[in-house]
């Protein structure tokens, strides 16, 4: 099994871009008043992560992106797609930390 550095870079690049896109898309949902009200009323914790994983799984399946199968030249399976979805959904949390911590981009306060 030989994987070139270019292939690894492409896979990481795609995963990173998908993570950034997902983070921005989910921010619209998770910052909406209705979502916040549902969280407060039902005391739901951890639902955001589950939604992110499910979205990432479906998005990666839809576009045919499976990092493990590409990297190791193996057939795609539910397991490798789930692992890819976990990478992408976890990367969206990393994208938030990168934007807020390193780049200094903060969420705007309501009314500003």
PDB file of N, CA and C in Angstrom:
ATOM      1  N   UNK A   1       0.850  -1.179   0.000  1.00  0.00           N
ATOM      2  CA  UNK A   1       0.000   0.000   0.000  1.00  0.00           C
ATOM      3  C   UNK A   1       0.893   1.238   0.000  1.00  0.00           C
ATOM      4  N   UNK A   2       0.735   2.058  -1.005  1.00  0.00           N
ATOM      5  CA  UNK A   2       1.490   3.297  -1.095  1.00  0.00           C
ATOM      6  C   UNK A   2       0.522   4.444  -1.331  1.00  0.00           C
ATOM      7  N   UNK A   3       0.587   5.419  -0.436  1.00  0.00           N
ATOM      8  CA  UNK A   3      -0.240   6.611  -0.577  1.00  0.00           C
ATOM      9  C   UNK A   3       0.711   7.791  -0.697  1.00  0.00           C
ATOM     10  N   UNK A   4       0.534   8.585  -1.727  1.00  0.00           N
ATOM     11  CA  UNK A   4       1.423   9.738  -1.928  1.00  0.00           C
ATOM     12  C   UNK A   4       1.060  10.869  -0.962  1.00  0.00           C
ATOM     13  N   UNK A   5       2.023  11.713  -0.740  1.00  0.00           N
ATOM     14  CA  UNK A   5       1.781  12.880   0.105  1.00  0.00           C
ATOM     15  C   UNK A   5       0.720  13.789  -0.483  1.00  0.00           C
ATOM     16  N   UNK A   6       0.674  13.865  -1.810  1.00  0.00           N
ATOM     17  CA  UNK A   6      -0.353  14.675  -2.473  1.00  0.00           C
ATOM     18  C   UNK A   6      -1.754  14.149  -2.170  1.00  0.00           C
ATOM     19  N   UNK A   7      -1.900  12.819  -2.189  1.00  0.00           N
ATOM     20  CA  UNK A   7      -3.203  12.214  -1.896  1.00  0.00           C
ATOM     21  C   UNK A   7      -3.619  12.496  -0.455  1.00  0.00           C
ATOM     22  N   UNK A   8      -2.676  12.368   0.465  1.00  0.00           N
ATOM     23  CA  UNK A   8      -2.973  12.638   1.876  1.00  0.00           C
ATOM     24  C   UNK A   8      -3.370  14.100   2.047  1.00  0.00           C
ATOM     25  N   UNK A   9      -2.646  15.004   1.407  1.00  0.00           N
ATOM     26  CA  UNK A   9      -2.970  16.425   1.488  1.00  0.00           C
ATOM     27  C   UNK A   9      -4.375  16.696   0.950  1.00  0.00           C
ATOM     28  N   UNK A  10      -4.730  16.088  -0.177  1.00  0.00           N
ATOM     29  CA  UNK A  10      -6.069  16.274  -0.756  1.00  0.00           C
ATOM     30  C   UNK A  10      -7.154  15.780   0.195  1.00  0.00           C
ATOM     31  N   UNK A  11      -6.935  14.633   0.809  1.00  0.00           N
ATOM     32  CA  UNK A  11      -7.918  14.075   1.732  1.00  0.00           C
ATOM     33  C   UNK A  11      -8.087  14.989   2.941  1.00  0.00           C
ATOM     34  N   UNK A  12      -6.980  15.453   3.498  1.00  0.00           N
ATOM     35  CA  UNK A  12      -7.047  16.356   4.648  1.00  0.00           C
ATOM     36  C   UNK A  12      -7.694  17.679   4.253  1.00  0.00           C
ATOM     37  N   UNK A  13      -7.371  18.171   3.073  1.00  0.00           N
ATOM     38  CA  UNK A  13      -7.957  19.419   2.589  1.00  0.00           C
ATOM     39  C   UNK A  13      -9.477  19.295   2.462  1.00  0.00           C
ATOM     40  N   UNK A  14      -9.938  18.213   1.857  1.00  0.00           N
ATOM     41  CA  UNK A  14     -11.384  18.008   1.693  1.00  0.00           C
ATOM     42  C   UNK A  14     -12.064  17.912   3.050  1.00  0.00           C
ATOM     43  N   UNK A  15     -11.478  17.147   3.967  1.00  0.00           N
ATOM     44  CA  UNK A  15     -12.063  17.001   5.307  1.00  0.00           C
ATOM     45  C   UNK A  15     -12.125  18.352   6.016  1.00  0.00           C
ATOM     46  N   UNK A  16     -11.087  19.153   5.869  1.00  0.00           N
ATOM     47  CA  UNK A  16     -11.047  20.467   6.515  1.00  0.00           C
ATOM     48  C   UNK A  16     -12.092  21.409   5.929  1.00  0.00           C
ATOM     49  N   UNK A  17     -12.194  21.434   4.622  1.00  0.00           N
ATOM     50  CA  UNK A  17     -13.183  22.302   3.978  1.00  0.00           C
ATOM     51  C   UNK A  17     -14.604  21.861   4.352  1.00  0.00           C
ATOM     52  N   UNK A  18     -14.861  20.564   4.339  1.00  0.00           N
ATOM     53  CA  UNK A  18     -16.174  20.072   4.760  1.00  0.00           C
ATOM     54  C   UNK A  18     -16.469  20.459   6.205  1.00  0.00           C
ATOM     55  N   UNK A  19     -15.470  20.373   7.070  1.00  0.00           N
ATOM     56  CA  UNK A  19     -15.655  20.734   8.477  1.00  0.00           C
ATOM     57  C   UNK A  19     -16.001  22.214   8.617  1.00  0.00           C
ATOM     58  N   UNK A  20     -15.290  23.076   7.903  1.00  0.00           N
ATOM     59  CA  UNK A  20     -15.595  24.512   7.952  1.00  0.00           C
ATOM     60  C   UNK A  20     -16.999  24.788   7.429  1.00  0.00           C
ATOM     61  N   UNK A  21     -17.361  24.171   6.314  1.00  0.00           N
ATOM     62  CA  UNK A  21     -18.693  24.378   5.737  1.00  0.00           C
ATOM     63  C   UNK A  21     -19.787  23.896   6.686  1.00  0.00           C
ATOM     64  N   UNK A  22     -19.568  22.735   7.281  1.00  0.00           N
ATOM     65  CA  UNK A  22     -20.553  22.209   8.234  1.00  0.00           C
ATOM     66  C   UNK A  22     -20.693  23.113   9.440  1.00  0.00           C
ATOM     67  N   UNK A  23     -19.567  23.605   9.942  1.00  0.00           N
ATOM     68  CA  UNK A  23     -19.610  24.479  11.117  1.00  0.00           C
ATOM     69  C   UNK A  23     -20.452  25.710  10.835  1.00  0.00           C
ATOM     70  N   UNK A  24     -20.258  26.319   9.678  1.00  0.00           N
ATOM     71  CA  UNK A  24     -21.017  27.520   9.329  1.00  0.00           C
ATOM     72  C   UNK A  24     -22.497  27.191   9.130  1.00  0.00           C
ATOM     73  N   UNK A  25     -22.786  26.077   8.477  1.00  0.00           N
ATOM     74  CA  UNK A  25     -24.178  25.690   8.246  1.00  0.00           C
ATOM     75  C   UNK A  25     -24.882  25.375   9.566  1.00  0.00           C
ATOM     76  N   UNK A  26     -24.212  24.645  10.434  1.00  0.00           N
ATOM     77  CA  UNK A  26     -24.831  24.276  11.704  1.00  0.00           C
ATOM     78  C   UNK A  26     -24.945  25.456  12.665  1.00  0.00           C
ATOM     79  N   UNK A  27     -24.077  26.451  12.511  1.00  0.00           N
ATOM     80  CA  UNK A  27     -24.169  27.641  13.356  1.00  0.00           C
ATOM     81  C   UNK A  27     -25.521  28.326  13.169  1.00  0.00           C
ATOM     82  N   UNK A  28     -26.007  28.350  11.944  1.00  0.00           N
ATOM     83  CA  UNK A  28     -27.311  28.951  11.672  1.00  0.00           C
ATOM     84  C   UNK A  28     -28.397  28.233  12.467  1.00  0.00           C
ATOM     85  N   UNK A  29     -28.339  26.923  12.477  1.00  0.00           N
ATOM     86  CA  UNK A  29     -29.329  26.129  13.214  1.00  0.00           C
ATOM     87  C   UNK A  29     -29.143  26.265  14.717  1.00  0.00           C
ATOM     88  N   UNK A  30     -27.927  26.049  15.198  1.00  0.00           N
ATOM     89  CA  UNK A  30     -27.678  25.982  16.638  1.00  0.00           C
ATOM     90  C   UNK A  30     -27.755  27.333  17.342  1.00  0.00           C
ATOM     91  N   UNK A  31     -27.645  28.422  16.608  1.00  0.00           N
ATOM     92  CA  UNK A  31     -27.742  29.746  17.214  1.00  0.00           C
ATOM     93  C   UNK A  31     -29.138  30.347  17.065  1.00  0.00           C
ATOM     94  N   UNK A  32     -30.037  29.622  16.434  1.00  0.00           N
ATOM     95  CA  UNK A  32     -31.401  30.111  16.230  1.00  0.00           C
ATOM     96  C   UNK A  32     -32.170  30.066  17.554  1.00  0.00           C
ATOM     97  N   UNK A  33     -33.054  31.032  17.734  1.00  0.00           N
ATOM     98  CA  UNK A  33     -33.857  31.106  18.967  1.00  0.00           C
ATOM     99  C   UNK A  33     -34.637  29.833  19.241  1.00  0.00           C
ATOM    100  N   UNK A  34     -35.203  29.234  18.190  1.00  0.00           N
ATOM    101  CA  UNK A  34     -36.002  28.026  18.379  1.00  0.00           C
ATOM    102  C   UNK A  34     -35.144  26.891  18.934  1.00  0.00           C
ATOM    103  N   UNK A  35     -33.942  26.701  18.374  1.00  0.00           N
ATOM    104  CA  UNK A  35     -33.049  25.646  18.872  1.00  0.00           C
ATOM    105  C   UNK A  35     -32.681  25.908  20.336  1.00  0.00           C
ATOM    106  N   UNK A  36     -32.364  27.165  20.650  1.00  0.00           N
ATOM    107  CA  UNK A  36     -31.981  27.514  22.019  1.00  0.00           C
ATOM    108  C   UNK A  36     -33.140  27.294  22.988  1.00  0.00           C
ATOM    109  N   UNK A  37     -34.353  27.607  22.541  1.00  0.00           N
ATOM    110  CA  UNK A  37     -35.534  27.392  23.370  1.00  0.00           C
ATOM    111  C   UNK A  37     -35.765  25.900  23.621  1.00  0.00           C
ATOM    112  N   UNK A  38     -35.599  25.092  22.583  1.00  0.00           N
ATOM    113  CA  UNK A  38     -35.769  23.632  22.724  1.00  0.00           C
ATOM    114  C   UNK A  38     -34.737  23.079  23.700  1.00  0.00           C
ATOM    115  N   UNK A  39     -33.489  23.521  23.565  1.00  0.00           N
ATOM    116  CA  UNK A  39     -32.437  23.076  24.488  1.00  0.00           C
ATOM    117  C   UNK A  39     -32.774  23.441  25.924  1.00  0.00           C
ATOM    118  N   UNK A  40     -33.224  24.679  26.136  1.00  0.00           N
ATOM    119  CA  UNK A  40     -33.552  25.132  27.493  1.00  0.00           C
ATOM    120  C   UNK A  40     -34.752  24.390  28.062  1.00  0.00           C
ATOM    121  N   UNK A  41     -35.801  24.250  27.257  1.00  0.00           N
ATOM    122  CA  UNK A  41     -37.031  23.639  27.743  1.00  0.00           C
ATOM    123  C   UNK A  41     -36.843  22.172  28.099  1.00  0.00           C
ATOM    124  N   UNK A  42     -36.160  21.433  27.234  1.00  0.00           N
ATOM    125  CA  UNK A  42     -36.016  19.997  27.448  1.00  0.00           C
ATOM    126  C   UNK A  42     -34.692  19.612  28.096  1.00  0.00           C
ATOM    127  N   UNK A  43     -33.835  20.585  28.314  1.00  0.00           N
ATOM    128  CA  UNK A  43     -32.549  20.314  28.951  1.00  0.00           C
ATOM    129  C   UNK A  43     -31.704  19.310  28.182  1.00  0.00           C
ATOM    130  N   UNK A  44     -31.751  19.409  26.868  1.00  0.00           N
ATOM    131  CA  UNK A  44     -31.035  18.454  26.007  1.00  0.00           C
ATOM    132  C   UNK A  44     -29.574  18.865  25.906  1.00  0.00           C
ATOM    133  N   UNK A  45     -28.686  17.963  26.291  1.00  0.00           N
ATOM    134  CA  UNK A  45     -27.250  18.180  26.139  1.00  0.00           C
ATOM    135  C   UNK A  45     -26.696  17.094  25.224  1.00  0.00           C
ATOM    136  N   UNK A  46     -25.753  17.462  24.380  1.00  0.00           N
ATOM    137  CA  UNK A  46     -25.127  16.494  23.486  1.00  0.00           C
ATOM    138  C   UNK A  46     -25.868  16.258  22.185  1.00  0.00           C
ATOM    139  N   UNK A  47     -26.986  16.930  21.987  1.00  0.00           N
ATOM    140  CA  UNK A  47     -27.747  16.740  20.757  1.00  0.00           C
ATOM    141  C   UNK A  47     -27.042  17.390  19.565  1.00  0.00           C
ATOM    142  N   UNK A  48     -26.348  18.489  19.808  1.00  0.00           N
ATOM    143  CA  UNK A  48     -25.638  19.171  18.719  1.00  0.00           C
ATOM    144  C   UNK A  48     -24.616  18.233  18.079  1.00  0.00           C
ATOM    145  N   UNK A  49     -23.872  17.525  18.911  1.00  0.00           N
ATOM    146  CA  UNK A  49     -22.854  16.614  18.389  1.00  0.00           C
ATOM    147  C   UNK A  49     -23.471  15.502  17.562  1.00  0.00           C
ATOM    148  N   UNK A  50     -24.586  14.965  18.028  1.00  0.00           N
ATOM    149  CA  UNK A  50     -25.271  13.897  17.294  1.00  0.00           C
ATOM    150  C   UNK A  50     -25.775  14.405  15.942  1.00  0.00           C
ATOM    151  N   UNK A  51     -26.344  15.593  15.930  1.00  0.00           N
ATOM    152  CA  UNK A  51     -26.814  16.195  14.679  1.00  0.00           C
ATOM    153  C   UNK A  51     -25.629  16.399  13.727  1.00  0.00           C
ATOM    154  N   UNK A  52     -24.506  16.876  14.263  1.00  0.00           N
ATOM    155  CA  UNK A  52     -23.319  17.100  13.435  1.00  0.00           C
ATOM    156  C   UNK A  52     -22.804  15.782  12.842  1.00  0.00           C
ATOM    157  N   UNK A  53     -22.790  14.724  13.626  1.00  0.00           N
ATOM    158  CA  UNK A  53     -22.323  13.426  13.130  1.00  0.00           C
ATOM    159  C   UNK A  53     -23.252  12.898  12.045  1.00  0.00           C
ATOM    160  N   UNK A  54     -24.553  12.993  12.270  1.00  0.00           N
ATOM    161  CA  UNK A  54     -25.518  12.516  11.279  1.00  0.00           C
ATOM    162  C   UNK A  54     -25.425  13.319   9.982  1.00  0.00           C
ATOM    163  N   UNK A  55     -25.286  14.629  10.102  1.00  0.00           N
ATOM    164  CA  UNK A  55     -25.145  15.464   8.912  1.00  0.00           C
ATOM    165  C   UNK A  55     -23.847  15.124   8.171  1.00  0.00           C
ATOM    166  N   UNK A  56     -22.761  14.987   8.906  1.00  0.00           N
ATOM    167  CA  UNK A  56     -21.475  14.664   8.284  1.00  0.00           C
ATOM    168  C   UNK A  56     -21.530  13.313   7.584  1.00  0.00           C
ATOM    169  N   UNK A  57     -22.175  12.336   8.214  1.00  0.00           N
ATOM    170  CA  UNK A  57     -22.283  11.002   7.605  1.00  0.00           C
ATOM    171  C   UNK A  57     -23.035  11.084   6.276  1.00  0.00           C
ATOM    172  N   UNK A  58     -24.176  11.761   6.303  1.00  0.00           N
ATOM    173  CA  UNK A  58     -24.982  11.878   5.087  1.00  0.00           C
ATOM    174  C   UNK A  58     -24.296  12.717   4.020  1.00  0.00           C
ATOM    175  N   UNK A  59     -23.639  13.778   4.422  1.00  0.00           N
ATOM    176  CA  UNK A  59     -22.923  14.630   3.475  1.00  0.00           C
ATOM    177  C   UNK A  59     -21.771  13.866   2.818  1.00  0.00           C
ATOM    178  N   UNK A  60     -21.002  13.144   3.617  1.00  0.00           N
ATOM    179  CA  UNK A  60     -19.877  12.375   3.066  1.00  0.00           C
ATOM    180  C   UNK A  60     -20.379  11.242   2.165  1.00  0.00           C
ATOM    181  N   UNK A  61     -21.478  10.603   2.548  1.00  0.00           N
ATOM    182  CA  UNK A  61     -22.052   9.536   1.713  1.00  0.00           C
ATOM    183  C   UNK A  61     -22.564  10.128   0.398  1.00  0.00           C
ATOM    184  N   UNK A  62     -23.212  11.285   0.488  1.00  0.00           N
ATOM    185  CA  UNK A  62     -23.774  11.917  -0.706  1.00  0.00           C
ATOM    186  C   UNK A  62     -22.690  12.296  -1.705  1.00  0.00           C
ATOM    187  N   UNK A  63     -21.589  12.869  -1.201  1.00  0.00           N
ATOM    188  CA  UNK A  63     -20.539  13.311  -2.131  1.00  0.00           C
ATOM    189  C   UNK A  63     -19.478  12.242  -2.379  1.00  0.00           C
ATOM    190  N   UNK A  64     -19.639  11.080  -1.765  1.00  0.00           N
ATOM    191  CA  UNK A  64     -18.714   9.974  -2.008  1.00  0.00           C
ATOM    192  C   UNK A  64     -17.347  10.163  -1.386  1.00  0.00           C
ATOM    193  N   UNK A  65     -17.281  10.917  -0.288  1.00  0.00           N
ATOM    194  CA  UNK A  65     -15.999  11.154   0.386  1.00  0.00           C
ATOM    195  C   UNK A  65     -15.862  10.201   1.562  1.00  0.00           C
ATOM    196  N   UNK A  66     -14.879   9.337   1.490  1.00  0.00           N
ATOM    197  CA  UNK A  66     -14.581   8.378   2.551  1.00  0.00           C
ATOM    198  C   UNK A  66     -13.070   8.388   2.751  1.00  0.00           C
ATOM    199  N   UNK A  67     -12.623   9.135   3.747  1.00  0.00           N
ATOM    200  CA  UNK A  67     -11.195   9.367   3.955  1.00  0.00           C
ATOM    201  C   UNK A  67     -10.411   8.068   4.123  1.00  0.00           C
ATOM    202  N   UNK A  68     -10.942   7.142   4.910  1.00  0.00           N
ATOM    203  CA  UNK A  68     -10.209   5.894   5.142  1.00  0.00           C
ATOM    204  C   UNK A  68     -10.089   5.052   3.884  1.00  0.00           C
ATOM    205  N   UNK A  69     -11.170   4.925   3.143  1.00  0.00           N
ATOM    206  CA  UNK A  69     -11.107   4.102   1.932  1.00  0.00           C
ATOM    207  C   UNK A  69     -10.176   4.741   0.895  1.00  0.00           C
ATOM    208  N   UNK A  70     -10.165   6.071   0.834  1.00  0.00           N
ATOM    209  CA  UNK A  70      -9.262   6.752  -0.096  1.00  0.00           C
ATOM    210  C   UNK A  70      -7.806   6.615   0.340  1.00  0.00           C
ATOM    211  N   UNK A  71      -7.569   6.779   1.627  1.00  0.00           N
ATOM    212  CA  UNK A  71      -6.204   6.754   2.120  1.00  0.00           C
ATOM    213  C   UNK A  71      -5.580   5.364   2.049  1.00  0.00           C
ATOM    214  N   UNK A  72      -6.382   4.348   2.309  1.00  0.00           N
ATOM    215  CA  UNK A  72      -5.840   2.990   2.368  1.00  0.00           C
ATOM    216  C   UNK A  72      -6.246   2.125   1.187  1.00  0.00           C
ATOM    217  N   UNK A  73      -6.831   2.738   0.176  1.00  0.00           N
ATOM    218  CA  UNK A  73      -7.241   2.039  -1.048  1.00  0.00           C
ATOM    219  C   UNK A  73      -8.079   0.803  -0.750  1.00  0.00           C
ATOM    220  N   UNK A  74      -9.051   0.984   0.116  1.00  0.00           N
ATOM    221  CA  UNK A  74      -9.970  -0.090   0.489  1.00  0.00           C
ATOM    222  C   UNK A  74     -11.381   0.275   0.043  1.00  0.00           C
ATOM    223  N   UNK A  75     -12.242  -0.723  -0.016  1.00  0.00           N
ATOM    224  CA  UNK A  75     -13.639  -0.467  -0.358  1.00  0.00           C
ATOM    225  C   UNK A  75     -14.303   0.325   0.766  1.00  0.00           C
ATOM    226  N   UNK A  76     -15.183   1.220   0.382  1.00  0.00           N
ATOM    227  CA  UNK A  76     -15.922   2.007   1.355  1.00  0.00           C
ATOM    228  C   UNK A  76     -16.913   1.113   2.090  1.00  0.00           C
ATOM    229  N   UNK A  77     -17.078   1.362   3.389  1.00  0.00           N
ATOM    230  CA  UNK A  77     -18.030   0.595   4.198  1.00  0.00           C
ATOM    231  C   UNK A  77     -18.704   1.548   5.175  1.00  0.00           C
ATOM    232  N   UNK A  78     -19.719   1.095   5.845  1.00  0.00           N
ATOM    233  CA  UNK A  78     -20.402   1.943   6.824  1.00  0.00           C
ATOM    234  C   UNK A  78     -19.426   2.365   7.920  1.00  0.00           C
ATOM    235  N   UNK A  79     -18.512   1.472   8.269  1.00  0.00           N
ATOM    236  CA  UNK A  79     -17.542   1.750   9.320  1.00  0.00           C
ATOM    237  C   UNK A  79     -16.584   2.869   8.910  1.00  0.00           C
ATOM    238  N   UNK A  80     -16.046   2.787   7.713  1.00  0.00           N
ATOM    239  CA  UNK A  80     -15.107   3.813   7.258  1.00  0.00           C
ATOM    240  C   UNK A  80     -15.825   5.141   7.012  1.00  0.00           C
ATOM    241  N   UNK A  81     -17.087   5.074   6.549  1.00  0.00           N
ATOM    242  CA  UNK A  81     -17.855   6.315   6.367  1.00  0.00           C
ATOM    243  C   UNK A  81     -18.179   6.953   7.720  1.00  0.00           C
ATOM    244  N   UNK A  82     -18.497   6.126   8.723  1.00  0.00           N
ATOM    245  CA  UNK A  82     -18.763   6.654  10.066  1.00  0.00           C
ATOM    246  C   UNK A  82     -17.503   7.306  10.630  1.00  0.00           C
ATOM    247  N   UNK A  83     -16.369   6.662  10.464  1.00  0.00           N
ATOM    248  CA  UNK A  83     -15.108   7.224  10.946  1.00  0.00           C
ATOM    249  C   UNK A  83     -14.826   8.567  10.262  1.00  0.00           C
ATOM    250  N   UNK A  84     -15.059   8.632   8.968  1.00  0.00           N
ATOM    251  CA  UNK A  84     -14.884   9.881   8.226  1.00  0.00           C
ATOM    252  C   UNK A  84     -15.845  10.942   8.751  1.00  0.00           C
ATOM    253  N   UNK A  85     -17.084  10.567   9.007  1.00  0.00           N
ATOM    254  CA  UNK A  85     -18.070  11.508   9.544  1.00  0.00           C
ATOM    255  C   UNK A  85     -17.640  12.025  10.914  1.00  0.00           C
ATOM    256  N   UNK A  86     -17.058  11.165  11.732  1.00  0.00           N
ATOM    257  CA  UNK A  86     -16.574  11.600  13.046  1.00  0.00           C
ATOM    258  C   UNK A  86     -15.415  12.586  12.895  1.00  0.00           C
ATOM    259  N   UNK A  87     -14.556  12.338  11.923  1.00  0.00           N
ATOM    260  CA  UNK A  87     -13.442  13.260  11.663  1.00  0.00           C
ATOM    261  C   UNK A  87     -13.976  14.620  11.224  1.00  0.00           C
ATOM    262  N   UNK A  88     -14.893  14.615  10.276  1.00  0.00           N
ATOM    263  CA  UNK A  88     -15.437  15.874   9.746  1.00  0.00           C
ATOM    264  C   UNK A  88     -16.241  16.610  10.824  1.00  0.00           C
ATOM    265  N   UNK A  89     -17.087  15.902  11.551  1.00  0.00           N
ATOM    266  CA  UNK A  89     -17.889  16.574  12.579  1.00  0.00           C
ATOM    267  C   UNK A  89     -17.018  17.059  13.731  1.00  0.00           C
ATOM    268  N   UNK A  90     -15.992  16.325  14.078  1.00  0.00           N
ATOM    269  CA  UNK A  90     -15.051  16.789  15.093  1.00  0.00           C
ATOM    270  C   UNK A  90     -14.242  17.961  14.594  1.00  0.00           C
ATOM    271  N   UNK A  91     -13.967  17.967  13.312  1.00  0.00           N
ATOM    272  CA  UNK A  91     -13.232  19.068  12.708  1.00  0.00           C
ATOM    273  C   UNK A  91     -14.019  20.360  12.723  1.00  0.00           C
ATOM    274  N   UNK A  92     -15.356  20.258  12.710  1.00  0.00           N
ATOM    275  CA  UNK A  92     -16.159  21.475  12.751  1.00  0.00           C
ATOM    276  C   UNK A  92     -16.003  22.157  14.106  1.00  0.00           C
ATOM    277  N   UNK A  93     -15.854  21.370  15.158  1.00  0.00           N
ATOM    278  CA  UNK A  93     -15.607  21.951  16.477  1.00  0.00           C
ATOM    279  C   UNK A  93     -14.219  22.592  16.507  1.00  0.00           C
ATOM    280  N   UNK A  94     -13.267  21.949  15.855  1.00  0.00           N
ATOM    281  CA  UNK A  94     -11.927  22.510  15.749  1.00  0.00           C
ATOM    282  C   UNK A  94     -11.923  23.804  14.948  1.00  0.00           C
ATOM    283  N   UNK A  95     -12.798  23.867  13.939  1.00  0.00           N
ATOM    284  CA  UNK A  95     -12.904  25.082  13.135  1.00  0.00           C
ATOM    285  C   UNK A  95     -13.363  26.254  13.998  1.00  0.00           C
ATOM    286  N   UNK A  96     -14.295  25.999  14.901  1.00  0.00           N
ATOM    287  CA  UNK A  96     -14.775  27.045  15.803  1.00  0.00           C
ATOM    288  C   UNK A  96     -13.630  27.521  16.688  1.00  0.00           C
ATOM    289  N   UNK A  97     -12.890  26.577  17.265  1.00  0.00           N
ATOM    290  CA  UNK A  97     -11.773  26.945  18.134  1.00  0.00           C
ATOM    291  C   UNK A  97     -10.721  27.731  17.367  1.00  0.00           C
ATOM    292  N   UNK A  98     -10.455  27.326  16.134  1.00  0.00           N
ATOM    293  CA  UNK A  98      -9.480  28.027  15.302  1.00  0.00           C
ATOM    294  C   UNK A  98      -9.941  29.454  15.036  1.00  0.00           C
ATOM    295  N   UNK A  99     -11.209  29.618  14.643  1.00  0.00           N
ATOM    296  CA  UNK A  99     -11.718  30.945  14.307  1.00  0.00           C
ATOM    297  C   UNK A  99     -11.773  31.845  15.539  1.00  0.00           C
ATOM    298  N   UNK A 100     -12.216  31.303  16.682  1.00  0.00           N
ATOM    299  CA  UNK A 100     -12.366  32.131  17.873  1.00  0.00           C
ATOM    300  C   UNK A 100     -11.049  32.340  18.603  1.00  0.00           C
ATOM    301  N   UNK A 101     -10.244  31.291  18.717  1.00  0.00           N
ATOM    302  CA  UNK A 101      -9.011  31.384  19.482  1.00  0.00           C
ATOM    303  C   UNK A 101      -7.867  31.986  18.697  1.00  0.00           C
ATOM    304  N   UNK A 102      -7.486  31.340  17.623  1.00  0.00           N
ATOM    305  CA  UNK A 102      -6.296  31.750  16.879  1.00  0.00           C
ATOM    306  C   UNK A 102      -6.544  32.970  16.004  1.00  0.00           C
ATOM    307  N   UNK A 103      -7.664  32.978  15.283  1.00  0.00           N
ATOM    308  CA  UNK A 103      -7.947  34.081  14.367  1.00  0.00           C
ATOM    309  C   UNK A 103      -8.651  35.257  15.033  1.00  0.00           C
ATOM    310  N   UNK A 104      -9.155  35.055  16.263  1.00  0.00           N
ATOM    311  CA  UNK A 104      -9.781  36.140  17.012  1.00  0.00           C
ATOM    312  C   UNK A 104     -11.166  36.521  16.533  1.00  0.00           C
ATOM    313  N   UNK A 105     -11.834  35.651  15.789  1.00  0.00           N
ATOM    314  CA  UNK A 105     -13.184  35.933  15.299  1.00  0.00           C
ATOM    315  C   UNK A 105     -14.169  35.507  16.378  1.00  0.00           C
ATOM    316  N   UNK A 106     -14.910  36.462  16.905  1.00  0.00           N
ATOM    317  CA  UNK A 106     -15.866  36.182  17.982  1.00  0.00           C
ATOM    318  C   UNK A 106     -17.292  36.267  17.448  1.00  0.00           C
ATOM    319  N   UNK A 107     -18.192  35.546  18.127  1.00  0.00           N
ATOM    320  CA  UNK A 107     -19.608  35.599  17.769  1.00  0.00           C
ATOM    321  C   UNK A 107     -20.141  36.968  18.180  1.00  0.00           C
ATOM    322  N   UNK A 108     -20.906  37.597  17.288  1.00  0.00           N
ATOM    323  CA  UNK A 108     -21.475  38.914  17.563  1.00  0.00           C
ATOM    324  C   UNK A 108     -22.529  38.807  18.645  1.00  0.00           C
ATOM    325  N   UNK A 109     -22.549  39.781  19.502  1.00  0.00           N
ATOM    326  CA  UNK A 109     -23.564  39.855  20.556  1.00  0.00           C
ATOM    327  C   UNK A 109     -24.856  40.346  19.949  1.00  0.00           C
ATOM    328  N   UNK A 110     -26.011  39.844  20.426  1.00  0.00           N
ATOM    329  CA  UNK A 110     -27.299  40.304  19.886  1.00  0.00           C
ATOM    330  C   UNK A 110     -27.430  41.821  20.038  1.00  0.00           C
ATOM    331  N   UNK A 111     -27.898  42.469  18.978  1.00  0.00           N
ATOM    332  CA  UNK A 111     -28.119  43.912  19.008  1.00  0.00           C
ATOM    333  C   UNK A 111     -26.895  44.719  18.633  1.00  0.00           C
ATOM    334  N   UNK A 112     -25.807  44.057  18.270  1.00  0.00           N
ATOM    335  CA  UNK A 112     -24.585  44.807  17.895  1.00  0.00           C
ATOM    336  C   UNK A 112     -24.283  44.631  16.443  1.00  0.00           C
TER     337      UNK A 112
END
